[in-house]
Amino acid sequence: MTDSSQSAPPTRYRVVHPPDRQDGSGQGVIREFGISRSSAGSRHLSMAYSVVPAGATSTRHSHPFETAVFVISGRARAYFGLNDEEWVDVEPGDFLYIPADLPHSTANIGDTPVQYVLARAAPEDVVIPVE
């Protein structure tokens, strides 16, 4: 008897299950890359699931590509600029666009973890620390 829930290994698509996600953020947050060059063979984009624990703030950094964020749960404050001169609060259901090369960080301003999905216009994560 064969298992009809899964066919032969895919050649043009890829499902990345939770145990196969890669956590490589190093920015004070939990980030699991589901879609990337290394996990799915992507050539132009990546997607990740991220969590900012209650009371945590990511390090200030930038990326050489655009980023889009969708907030699932929690409340966060996104800071922008070399000295956090601009900021915006986001909550569940909000989308946030971050242009390439803009220094930013994220602070959890609530009592529960902030969960979000991000998409990037690059197949792998590139993080540039900003002091």
Protein backbone atom coordinates (compact mmCIF):
# COMPACT_ATOMS: atom_id res chain seq x y z
CA MET A 1 0.00 0.00 0.00
CA THR A 2 1.34 3.45 -0.86
CA ASP A 3 0.85 6.73 0.96
CA SER A 4 -1.29 8.89 -1.32
CA SER A 5 -0.69 12.05 0.77
CA GLN A 6 2.71 12.65 -0.81
CA SER A 7 3.98 12.07 -4.31
CA ALA A 8 7.56 11.81 -5.54
CA PRO A 9 10.03 14.50 -4.39
CA PRO A 10 9.23 17.85 -6.01
CA THR A 11 11.33 19.32 -8.75
CA ARG A 12 9.78 22.80 -9.05
CA TYR A 13 8.19 23.41 -5.67
CA ARG A 14 9.19 22.82 -2.07
CA VAL A 15 7.36 22.54 1.26
CA VAL A 16 9.50 23.54 4.22
CA HIS A 17 8.16 21.99 7.42
CA PRO A 18 8.84 23.53 10.86
CA PRO A 19 11.72 21.18 11.75
CA ASP A 20 13.50 22.21 8.53
CA ARG A 21 13.39 25.96 9.16
CA GLN A 22 16.70 27.69 9.73
CA ASP A 23 17.13 30.10 12.64
CA GLY A 24 19.98 32.43 11.78
CA SER A 25 18.92 35.89 12.83
CA GLY A 26 21.48 36.75 15.48
CA GLN A 27 19.59 40.01 16.11
CA GLY A 28 18.00 39.29 19.48
CA VAL A 29 14.91 37.74 17.91
CA ILE A 30 13.86 34.24 16.88
CA ARG A 31 13.77 33.93 13.11
CA GLU A 32 12.97 30.77 11.17
CA PHE A 33 13.64 31.05 7.45
CA GLY A 34 11.14 28.87 5.64
CA ILE A 35 11.84 29.98 2.08
CA SER A 36 15.37 30.83 0.99
CA ARG A 37 17.99 29.73 -1.49
CA SER A 38 19.35 27.12 0.93
CA SER A 39 15.99 25.75 2.09
CA ALA A 40 13.92 25.83 -1.10
CA GLY A 41 16.16 26.83 -4.00
CA SER A 42 14.68 30.34 -4.24
CA ARG A 43 16.52 32.71 -6.55
CA HIS A 44 14.89 36.08 -5.78
CA LEU A 45 13.01 36.03 -2.46
CA SER A 46 12.95 34.72 1.08
CA MET A 47 10.26 34.38 3.75
CA ALA A 48 10.55 33.83 7.47
CA TYR A 49 8.50 33.47 10.62
CA SER A 50 9.82 35.59 13.49
CA VAL A 51 9.18 36.15 17.17
CA VAL A 52 10.27 39.09 19.33
CA PRO A 53 10.01 37.94 22.97
CA ALA A 54 8.24 40.18 25.48
CA GLY A 55 10.62 42.94 26.58
CA ALA A 56 13.13 42.29 23.78
CA THR A 57 14.51 44.70 21.17
CA SER A 58 16.43 43.65 18.09
CA THR A 59 19.81 45.17 17.34
CA ARG A 60 19.86 48.12 14.92
CA HIS A 61 20.72 46.88 11.43
CA SER A 62 19.93 47.26 7.75
CA HIS A 63 19.57 45.04 4.69
CA PRO A 64 20.59 45.71 1.07
CA PHE A 65 17.09 44.73 -0.11
CA GLU A 66 13.43 45.54 0.56
CA THR A 67 11.53 43.86 3.39
CA ALA A 68 7.79 43.45 3.96
CA VAL A 69 6.36 42.41 7.34
CA PHE A 70 2.92 41.12 8.33
CA VAL A 71 2.19 41.21 12.08
CA ILE A 72 0.33 38.15 13.39
CA SER A 73 0.22 38.91 17.11
CA GLY A 74 1.60 41.24 19.76
CA ARG A 75 2.50 44.94 19.66
CA ALA A 76 5.82 46.25 18.37
CA ARG A 77 7.53 49.56 17.81
CA ALA A 78 9.70 49.75 14.69
CA TYR A 79 12.49 52.33 14.89
CA PHE A 80 14.10 53.83 11.78
CA GLY A 81 17.27 55.86 11.17
CA LEU A 82 20.82 55.92 12.53
CA ASN A 83 19.56 57.22 15.89
CA ASP A 84 15.98 55.88 15.92
CA GLU A 85 14.75 59.34 14.91
CA GLU A 86 11.52 57.92 13.48
CA TRP A 87 9.26 55.17 14.79
CA VAL A 88 5.88 53.56 14.21
CA ASP A 89 3.79 51.16 16.30
CA VAL A 90 2.39 48.05 14.63
CA GLU A 91 -0.16 45.49 15.79
CA PRO A 92 -1.90 42.35 14.48
CA GLY A 93 -3.10 42.72 10.91
CA ASP A 94 -0.65 45.50 10.01
CA PHE A 95 1.73 45.32 7.06
CA LEU A 96 5.03 47.22 7.24
CA TYR A 97 7.33 48.04 4.31
CA ILE A 98 11.02 48.71 4.98
CA PRO A 99 13.09 50.01 2.04
CA ALA A 100 16.59 48.72 1.32
CA ASP A 101 19.47 50.19 3.35
CA LEU A 102 17.25 51.84 6.00
CA PRO A 103 18.65 51.26 9.52
CA HIS A 104 15.95 49.80 11.77
CA SER A 105 15.21 47.82 14.92
CA THR A 106 12.12 46.32 16.50
CA ALA A 107 11.01 46.51 20.13
CA ASN A 108 8.27 44.45 21.71
CA ILE A 109 6.13 47.02 23.55
CA GLY A 110 3.52 44.56 24.82
CA ASP A 111 3.29 41.77 27.38
CA THR A 112 3.20 38.89 24.88
CA PRO A 113 5.57 37.79 22.10
CA VAL A 114 5.31 39.60 18.78
CA GLN A 115 4.86 37.11 15.93
CA TYR A 116 5.26 38.14 12.32
CA VAL A 117 5.99 36.88 8.82
CA LEU A 118 8.50 38.70 6.66
CA ALA A 119 9.24 38.56 2.96
CA ARG A 120 12.39 39.89 1.36
CA ALA A 121 13.54 40.66 -2.15
CA ALA A 122 16.61 38.42 -1.73
CA PRO A 123 17.13 34.64 -1.54
CA GLU A 124 19.24 34.77 1.65
CA ASP A 125 19.39 37.03 4.70
CA VAL A 126 22.08 39.70 4.72
CA VAL A 127 22.32 41.72 7.93
CA ILE A 128 24.47 44.85 8.21
CA PRO A 129 24.95 45.91 11.86
CA VAL A 130 24.48 49.63 12.46
CA GLU A 131 26.17 51.14 15.51
